């Protein structure tokens, strides 16, 4: 029964969601049973749902409830628990422009790259919501010497600590310029 349930979950974004609204539904962990020759009495699936807006987030929750009905249709049952996540991180344009300009001036244009919009999960959006005038987040873009990217939240993450002074310099200079602009 697990196969049809997983297929139904994977169909939410592909077949049951607006294709122009970013959404992610991923099963990231499957746990069930202890023995190779015994069918477990229960299986626990854990995963993530991500969206860029609350309307899509509500749609994903509703669709999960619908597709998990496949378990009941096949004689099983399910319990859905959704832990509320954080709001999407939305950089404040003025803050993003300030950090970008400081980065270009301190590090050179060739070392400043605007990120692609993505569906990565990050709780930094909470900080931006709390800041009266907003904020922005930037990455240092560090990777290993072999050219193999060591992305955050991956098993290969390994920061190049030599990059930390550059990030600190950009943050400090951006903060000084921001404070001067408020005089």
C-alpha atoms as a PDB file:
ATOM      1  CA  UNK A   1       0.000   0.000   0.000  1.00  0.00           C
ATOM      2  CA  UNK A   2       3.018   2.308   0.479  1.00  0.00           C
ATOM      3  CA  UNK A   3       3.744   2.599  -3.248  1.00  0.00           C
ATOM      4  CA  UNK A   4       0.324   4.004  -4.227  1.00  0.00           C
ATOM      5  CA  UNK A   5       0.413   6.439  -1.285  1.00  0.00           C
ATOM      6  CA  UNK A   6       3.875   7.715  -2.244  1.00  0.00           C
ATOM      7  CA  UNK A   7       2.815   8.059  -5.885  1.00  0.00           C
ATOM      8  CA  UNK A   8      -0.273   9.999  -4.831  1.00  0.00           C
ATOM      9  CA  UNK A   9       1.815  12.354  -2.683  1.00  0.00           C
ATOM     10  CA  UNK A  10       4.260  12.933  -5.530  1.00  0.00           C
ATOM     11  CA  UNK A  11       1.362  13.810  -7.848  1.00  0.00           C
ATOM     12  CA  UNK A  12       0.259  16.803  -5.762  1.00  0.00           C
ATOM     13  CA  UNK A  13       2.652  19.331  -7.269  1.00  0.00           C
ATOM     14  CA  UNK A  14       2.849  17.683 -10.693  1.00  0.00           C
ATOM     15  CA  UNK A  15      -0.876  17.202 -11.282  1.00  0.00           C
ATOM     16  CA  UNK A  16      -2.932  18.952  -8.617  1.00  0.00           C
ATOM     17  CA  UNK A  17      -1.294  22.367  -8.175  1.00  0.00           C
ATOM     18  CA  UNK A  18      -1.069  25.606 -10.146  1.00  0.00           C
ATOM     19  CA  UNK A  19       2.102  25.246 -12.260  1.00  0.00           C
ATOM     20  CA  UNK A  20       2.975  28.950 -12.018  1.00  0.00           C
ATOM     21  CA  UNK A  21       2.957  28.988  -8.207  1.00  0.00           C
ATOM     22  CA  UNK A  22       6.107  27.516  -6.658  1.00  0.00           C
ATOM     23  CA  UNK A  23       5.411  24.476  -4.476  1.00  0.00           C
ATOM     24  CA  UNK A  24       7.317  21.505  -3.087  1.00  0.00           C
ATOM     25  CA  UNK A  25       5.964  18.351  -1.462  1.00  0.00           C
ATOM     26  CA  UNK A  26       8.690  15.853  -0.632  1.00  0.00           C
ATOM     27  CA  UNK A  27       8.700  12.634   1.351  1.00  0.00           C
ATOM     28  CA  UNK A  28      12.124  12.770   2.991  1.00  0.00           C
ATOM     29  CA  UNK A  29      12.002   9.912   5.465  1.00  0.00           C
ATOM     30  CA  UNK A  30      10.270   6.510   5.540  1.00  0.00           C
ATOM     31  CA  UNK A  31      10.357   4.366   8.702  1.00  0.00           C
ATOM     32  CA  UNK A  32       8.582   1.058   9.148  1.00  0.00           C
ATOM     33  CA  UNK A  33       9.344  -2.284  10.711  1.00  0.00           C
ATOM     34  CA  UNK A  34      12.569  -3.849  11.903  1.00  0.00           C
ATOM     35  CA  UNK A  35      12.813  -7.154  10.031  1.00  0.00           C
ATOM     36  CA  UNK A  36      13.403  -7.758   6.334  1.00  0.00           C
ATOM     37  CA  UNK A  37      10.812 -10.555   6.151  1.00  0.00           C
ATOM     38  CA  UNK A  38       7.924  -9.028   8.173  1.00  0.00           C
ATOM     39  CA  UNK A  39       5.390  -6.558   6.816  1.00  0.00           C
ATOM     40  CA  UNK A  40       5.210  -3.742   9.393  1.00  0.00           C
ATOM     41  CA  UNK A  41       1.891  -2.862  10.978  1.00  0.00           C
ATOM     42  CA  UNK A  42       2.604   0.846  10.431  1.00  0.00           C
ATOM     43  CA  UNK A  43       4.891   3.091   8.419  1.00  0.00           C
ATOM     44  CA  UNK A  44       5.835   6.662   9.262  1.00  0.00           C
ATOM     45  CA  UNK A  45       6.455   9.122   6.445  1.00  0.00           C
ATOM     46  CA  UNK A  46       8.044  12.480   7.138  1.00  0.00           C
ATOM     47  CA  UNK A  47       8.647  15.247   4.699  1.00  0.00           C
ATOM     48  CA  UNK A  48       8.306  18.865   3.814  1.00  0.00           C
ATOM     49  CA  UNK A  49       5.825  21.151   2.090  1.00  0.00           C
ATOM     50  CA  UNK A  50       7.029  24.499   0.832  1.00  0.00           C
ATOM     51  CA  UNK A  51       5.365  27.362  -0.962  1.00  0.00           C
ATOM     52  CA  UNK A  52       5.867  31.041  -1.629  1.00  0.00           C
ATOM     53  CA  UNK A  53       2.451  32.120  -0.353  1.00  0.00           C
ATOM     54  CA  UNK A  54      -0.137  31.125   2.223  1.00  0.00           C
ATOM     55  CA  UNK A  55      -2.826  30.298  -0.358  1.00  0.00           C
ATOM     56  CA  UNK A  56      -0.602  27.658  -1.958  1.00  0.00           C
ATOM     57  CA  UNK A  57       0.408  26.377   1.481  1.00  0.00           C
ATOM     58  CA  UNK A  58      -3.277  25.829   2.381  1.00  0.00           C
ATOM     59  CA  UNK A  59      -3.827  24.118  -0.982  1.00  0.00           C
ATOM     60  CA  UNK A  60      -0.936  21.702  -0.330  1.00  0.00           C
ATOM     61  CA  UNK A  61      -2.365  20.787   3.096  1.00  0.00           C
ATOM     62  CA  UNK A  62      -5.797  20.109   1.590  1.00  0.00           C
ATOM     63  CA  UNK A  63      -4.323  18.030  -1.228  1.00  0.00           C
ATOM     64  CA  UNK A  64      -2.285  15.954   1.235  1.00  0.00           C
ATOM     65  CA  UNK A  65      -5.490  15.089   3.095  1.00  0.00           C
ATOM     66  CA  UNK A  66      -7.116  14.051  -0.199  1.00  0.00           C
ATOM     67  CA  UNK A  67      -4.290  11.908  -1.544  1.00  0.00           C
ATOM     68  CA  UNK A  68      -3.677  10.162   1.772  1.00  0.00           C
ATOM     69  CA  UNK A  69      -7.211   8.847   1.375  1.00  0.00           C
ATOM     70  CA  UNK A  70      -5.587   6.291  -0.939  1.00  0.00           C
ATOM     71  CA  UNK A  71      -4.475   4.469   2.233  1.00  0.00           C
ATOM     72  CA  UNK A  72      -8.103   4.166   3.387  1.00  0.00           C
ATOM     73  CA  UNK A  73      -9.263   3.118  -0.066  1.00  0.00           C
ATOM     74  CA  UNK A  74      -6.780   0.228   0.122  1.00  0.00           C
ATOM     75  CA  UNK A  75      -7.877  -0.877   3.613  1.00  0.00           C
ATOM     76  CA  UNK A  76      -5.398   1.079   5.685  1.00  0.00           C
ATOM     77  CA  UNK A  77      -5.595   4.300   7.596  1.00  0.00           C
ATOM     78  CA  UNK A  78      -3.509   7.404   8.173  1.00  0.00           C
ATOM     79  CA  UNK A  79      -2.964  10.238  10.583  1.00  0.00           C
ATOM     80  CA  UNK A  80      -1.671  13.506   9.151  1.00  0.00           C
ATOM     81  CA  UNK A  81       0.275  15.862  11.406  1.00  0.00           C
ATOM     82  CA  UNK A  82       1.519  19.091   9.908  1.00  0.00           C
ATOM     83  CA  UNK A  83       3.919  21.161  11.941  1.00  0.00           C
ATOM     84  CA  UNK A  84       3.452  24.823  11.086  1.00  0.00           C
ATOM     85  CA  UNK A  85       6.448  26.213   9.297  1.00  0.00           C
ATOM     86  CA  UNK A  86       7.849  29.665   8.872  1.00  0.00           C
ATOM     87  CA  UNK A  87       6.740  32.310   6.433  1.00  0.00           C
ATOM     88  CA  UNK A  88       8.609  32.580   3.169  1.00  0.00           C
ATOM     89  CA  UNK A  89      11.763  34.687   3.321  1.00  0.00           C
ATOM     90  CA  UNK A  90      11.210  37.838   1.335  1.00  0.00           C
ATOM     91  CA  UNK A  91      14.145  40.198   1.181  1.00  0.00           C
ATOM     92  CA  UNK A  92      13.400  43.900   1.471  1.00  0.00           C
ATOM     93  CA  UNK A  93      14.532  45.394  -1.864  1.00  0.00           C
ATOM     94  CA  UNK A  94      16.369  48.347  -0.266  1.00  0.00           C
ATOM     95  CA  UNK A  95      18.288  46.072   2.115  1.00  0.00           C
ATOM     96  CA  UNK A  96      19.171  43.648  -0.680  1.00  0.00           C
ATOM     97  CA  UNK A  97      20.395  46.508  -2.860  1.00  0.00           C
ATOM     98  CA  UNK A  98      22.543  47.913  -0.032  1.00  0.00           C
ATOM     99  CA  UNK A  99      24.228  44.557   0.663  1.00  0.00           C
ATOM    100  CA  UNK A 100      24.737  43.936  -3.062  1.00  0.00           C
ATOM    101  CA  UNK A 101      26.338  47.366  -3.543  1.00  0.00           C
ATOM    102  CA  UNK A 102      28.619  46.894  -0.519  1.00  0.00           C
ATOM    103  CA  UNK A 103      29.608  43.447  -1.789  1.00  0.00           C
ATOM    104  CA  UNK A 104      30.499  44.816  -5.205  1.00  0.00           C
ATOM    105  CA  UNK A 105      32.551  47.645  -3.724  1.00  0.00           C
ATOM    106  CA  UNK A 106      34.423  45.457  -1.241  1.00  0.00           C
ATOM    107  CA  UNK A 107      34.811  42.238  -3.222  1.00  0.00           C
ATOM    108  CA  UNK A 108      34.382  43.203  -6.875  1.00  0.00           C
ATOM    109  CA  UNK A 109      31.573  42.584  -9.324  1.00  0.00           C
ATOM    110  CA  UNK A 110      32.956  39.169 -10.278  1.00  0.00           C
ATOM    111  CA  UNK A 111      32.421  37.954  -6.700  1.00  0.00           C
ATOM    112  CA  UNK A 112      28.813  39.076  -6.283  1.00  0.00           C
ATOM    113  CA  UNK A 113      26.135  36.883  -7.820  1.00  0.00           C
ATOM    114  CA  UNK A 114      22.419  37.341  -7.358  1.00  0.00           C
ATOM    115  CA  UNK A 115      20.784  34.117  -6.219  1.00  0.00           C
ATOM    116  CA  UNK A 116      18.142  32.306  -8.200  1.00  0.00           C
ATOM    117  CA  UNK A 117      14.723  32.151  -6.635  1.00  0.00           C
ATOM    118  CA  UNK A 118      14.380  28.803  -4.944  1.00  0.00           C
ATOM    119  CA  UNK A 119      12.290  26.730  -2.586  1.00  0.00           C
ATOM    120  CA  UNK A 120      14.882  26.136   0.091  1.00  0.00           C
ATOM    121  CA  UNK A 121      13.571  26.308   3.627  1.00  0.00           C
ATOM    122  CA  UNK A 122      15.000  28.945   5.891  1.00  0.00           C
ATOM    123  CA  UNK A 123      13.704  30.478   9.113  1.00  0.00           C
ATOM    124  CA  UNK A 124      15.385  33.807   8.361  1.00  0.00           C
ATOM    125  CA  UNK A 125      11.974  35.030   7.140  1.00  0.00           C
ATOM    126  CA  UNK A 126      10.965  35.300  10.816  1.00  0.00           C
ATOM    127  CA  UNK A 127      13.762  37.800  11.447  1.00  0.00           C
ATOM    128  CA  UNK A 128      12.786  39.864   8.409  1.00  0.00           C
ATOM    129  CA  UNK A 129       9.172  39.973   9.620  1.00  0.00           C
ATOM    130  CA  UNK A 130      10.313  41.169  13.079  1.00  0.00           C
ATOM    131  CA  UNK A 131      12.587  43.903  11.747  1.00  0.00           C
ATOM    132  CA  UNK A 132      10.617  47.126  11.320  1.00  0.00           C
ATOM    133  CA  UNK A 133      12.373  48.055   8.103  1.00  0.00           C
ATOM    134  CA  UNK A 134      12.908  44.544   6.798  1.00  0.00           C
ATOM    135  CA  UNK A 135      16.191  42.948   5.881  1.00  0.00           C
ATOM    136  CA  UNK A 136      18.010  40.654   3.536  1.00  0.00           C
ATOM    137  CA  UNK A 137      19.997  37.464   3.653  1.00  0.00           C
ATOM    138  CA  UNK A 138      23.130  36.711   1.685  1.00  0.00           C
ATOM    139  CA  UNK A 139      25.343  33.685   1.305  1.00  0.00           C
ATOM    140  CA  UNK A 140      29.095  33.496   1.137  1.00  0.00           C
ATOM    141  CA  UNK A 141      29.043  30.841  -1.564  1.00  0.00           C
ATOM    142  CA  UNK A 142      31.883  28.798  -0.127  1.00  0.00           C
ATOM    143  CA  UNK A 143      32.871  25.388  -1.446  1.00  0.00           C
ATOM    144  CA  UNK A 144      35.717  22.957  -1.204  1.00  0.00           C
ATOM    145  CA  UNK A 145      38.992  23.375  -3.064  1.00  0.00           C
ATOM    146  CA  UNK A 146      38.091  20.553  -5.453  1.00  0.00           C
ATOM    147  CA  UNK A 147      35.289  22.673  -6.973  1.00  0.00           C
ATOM    148  CA  UNK A 148      32.721  20.403  -5.326  1.00  0.00           C
ATOM    149  CA  UNK A 149      30.071  22.625  -3.746  1.00  0.00           C
ATOM    150  CA  UNK A 150      29.501  21.977  -0.058  1.00  0.00           C
ATOM    151  CA  UNK A 151      25.944  23.236   0.158  1.00  0.00           C
ATOM    152  CA  UNK A 152      24.291  24.034   3.473  1.00  0.00           C
ATOM    153  CA  UNK A 153      21.872  21.385   4.760  1.00  0.00           C
ATOM    154  CA  UNK A 154      23.699  18.673   2.829  1.00  0.00           C
ATOM    155  CA  UNK A 155      25.808  15.772   4.095  1.00  0.00           C
ATOM    156  CA  UNK A 156      28.875  17.323   2.446  1.00  0.00           C
ATOM    157  CA  UNK A 157      28.588  20.771   4.076  1.00  0.00           C
ATOM    158  CA  UNK A 158      32.010  22.008   5.104  1.00  0.00           C
ATOM    159  CA  UNK A 159      32.472  25.774   5.290  1.00  0.00           C
ATOM    160  CA  UNK A 160      35.708  27.346   4.165  1.00  0.00           C
ATOM    161  CA  UNK A 161      36.443  29.478   7.236  1.00  0.00           C
ATOM    162  CA  UNK A 162      38.681  31.769   5.180  1.00  0.00           C
ATOM    163  CA  UNK A 163      35.470  33.272   3.775  1.00  0.00           C
ATOM    164  CA  UNK A 164      34.187  34.431   7.171  1.00  0.00           C
ATOM    165  CA  UNK A 165      36.147  37.722   7.272  1.00  0.00           C
ATOM    166  CA  UNK A 166      34.696  38.663   3.872  1.00  0.00           C
ATOM    167  CA  UNK A 167      31.138  38.045   5.068  1.00  0.00           C
ATOM    168  CA  UNK A 168      31.832  39.952   8.275  1.00  0.00           C
ATOM    169  CA  UNK A 169      33.234  42.899   6.312  1.00  0.00           C
ATOM    170  CA  UNK A 170      30.160  43.056   4.065  1.00  0.00           C
ATOM    171  CA  UNK A 171      27.816  42.877   7.064  1.00  0.00           C
ATOM    172  CA  UNK A 172      29.708  45.519   9.041  1.00  0.00           C
ATOM    173  CA  UNK A 173      29.955  47.975   6.153  1.00  0.00           C
ATOM    174  CA  UNK A 174      26.286  47.485   5.241  1.00  0.00           C
ATOM    175  CA  UNK A 175      25.319  48.144   8.876  1.00  0.00           C
ATOM    176  CA  UNK A 176      27.438  51.327   9.025  1.00  0.00           C
ATOM    177  CA  UNK A 177      25.925  52.648   5.787  1.00  0.00           C
ATOM    178  CA  UNK A 178      22.407  51.800   6.932  1.00  0.00           C
ATOM    179  CA  UNK A 179      22.897  53.599  10.264  1.00  0.00           C
ATOM    180  CA  UNK A 180      24.403  56.652   8.531  1.00  0.00           C
ATOM    181  CA  UNK A 181      21.392  56.842   6.219  1.00  0.00           C
ATOM    182  CA  UNK A 182      19.087  57.118   9.253  1.00  0.00           C
ATOM    183  CA  UNK A 183      20.747  60.247  10.721  1.00  0.00           C
END
